[in-house]
Amino acid sequence: MNFLSSQKSNNLILYYQCFLALVIVGVFFTAGDIYWFDSGYIPPPYIIVLAVGIASLPLIPSFFSYNYKYFPFELLKWCIFYIIFSLISYLLTIKNDLVDQELDDRILVVIFLCVTSFIFSGKDIVIKVTRISFIVVVFWNIYTYILELFNPEIWHTLTTFNPTGRPAGFYADPNKAACVLINALIFSIGLLPPKHRLTFYFIVFFGVLMTLSRGGTICMIVLLALFFVKKIIPRQQLTLIFTIVLLLAINFTFLGDFLENKAVELGVINYDIQTRIATFTNPASRQASDDTSRLDVVVSSWEKIIAQPLFGHGFGYVKTWGDILPHNIYLSYMLEHGLLGFFILPWLMIAIQHNAEGEAKNLGFLLATFTFIWAIFSNTIVYDRETLTTFSLMAVMSQKSHIKQLNNMKLKN
């Protein structure tokens, strides 16, 4: 009787853990925390993060009795370094509101990674439910992008709006919207039968193209090649890929004119959209290369890095730049911390792949490749809870794969 009661209690805890994992995906991976806060429905995101952390307290007994072995302690080491390093830099910097906000943001990053890693550390079903939920997010996001395409103001909130005219859903930033789709693709494509994976890839590619994200398009092409190399997508489908690419290449100019005419009909055409369409259809055109503001920022960033290469310009320095920031996390960290700042992201990628085996090793390679490329286009990749969710999930998967490998070796011996 006691055994049955204990088993029932363990099952309830497991169901609750799966529920919390779904909450993480449904609230943070979809950017629902930001959208609903900006709409005036819920408290600030940091309150929601803390609330999820408190809600996870019932998992503590099962964690210390069994699940602790799945917790990614290498990621915890990175978190400890990151927070101590940030605190030291903060103490050595002249304080202002922007510097204080940067410290708050970094503390929230560490709290979020620890909370989500704690919740994901459990039986295989927790990881599987989380990965399946990514598929749901893909279709939900594409749905929101389509709605926004026909009604550009549909997701505007009380305090934020998407000024680009490009579909972004809850994320307000089209590039972030593309990033989330790609992350979801990496973690979910392996769950599908091989014959359906290419179809799912093109569905995601369609969603990424809707955002007109240049970085997203580049990453999707790179990932397609890696999917074939890693045999995630059957190589027999290469002929189909070649045919589709050839047809697109032949009709690119027509496609560009069609997209621009549709944008005009919908009343959403602006200079940003025209530039993006020109990038895809005629990269050599003047419009496609007319992005001087970002190039100027990159040049200015390198000049400032060279001026202070060892220790940088101080904690929170990038936040003082104004509206046009260096859309590059490597530059951002190097501007603030010098050469040491360059290694913050690579160390994070090493931490979340530590001791990964089998499928987790392949996923880690794909995620790291995408992250390293995406970091060139984003200066918020280590702050966005959408990407942090995938980092903590990857770290737990790596640790679980290592434990399974050790168990298999013991059985063989």
Foldseek 3Di string as FASTA:
>chain_A
DVVVVVVVVVVVLVVLLLVLLLCLCVCFLLVVQVLCVLQVNDPHPLVVLVVSLVSNVVCVVVCVVPLVLLQQVLLVVLLVCQLVVLVVLLVVDDDDPLLVVLNVLSVSLSSNLRSLLSSCRDDPVSLVSNLVVLLVSLVVLLVQQVVCLLVVCPSPHNPDHQPLLFRQGSVSQLLVSLVSLVLSLLSHLLVDDLVCSVVSLVSSVVSNVSSLDPLSNVLSVVVVVLCPVVVSHPPVCVVVVVVVVVVCLVCLVVVLVVVQVSCVVSVSDDLNSNLSSCCRRPVPDPSVPPPVVQVVQVVVLVVQCVVPQAAADTRSPQVPPPDHGNFAQQSVQCNHGHPVRNCSVVSLLCSLQPQADDPLNSSSVSLSVSVNSNNNRHNCLSSRSSNSSSSSSSSSNRSVRNVVVVVVVVVVD
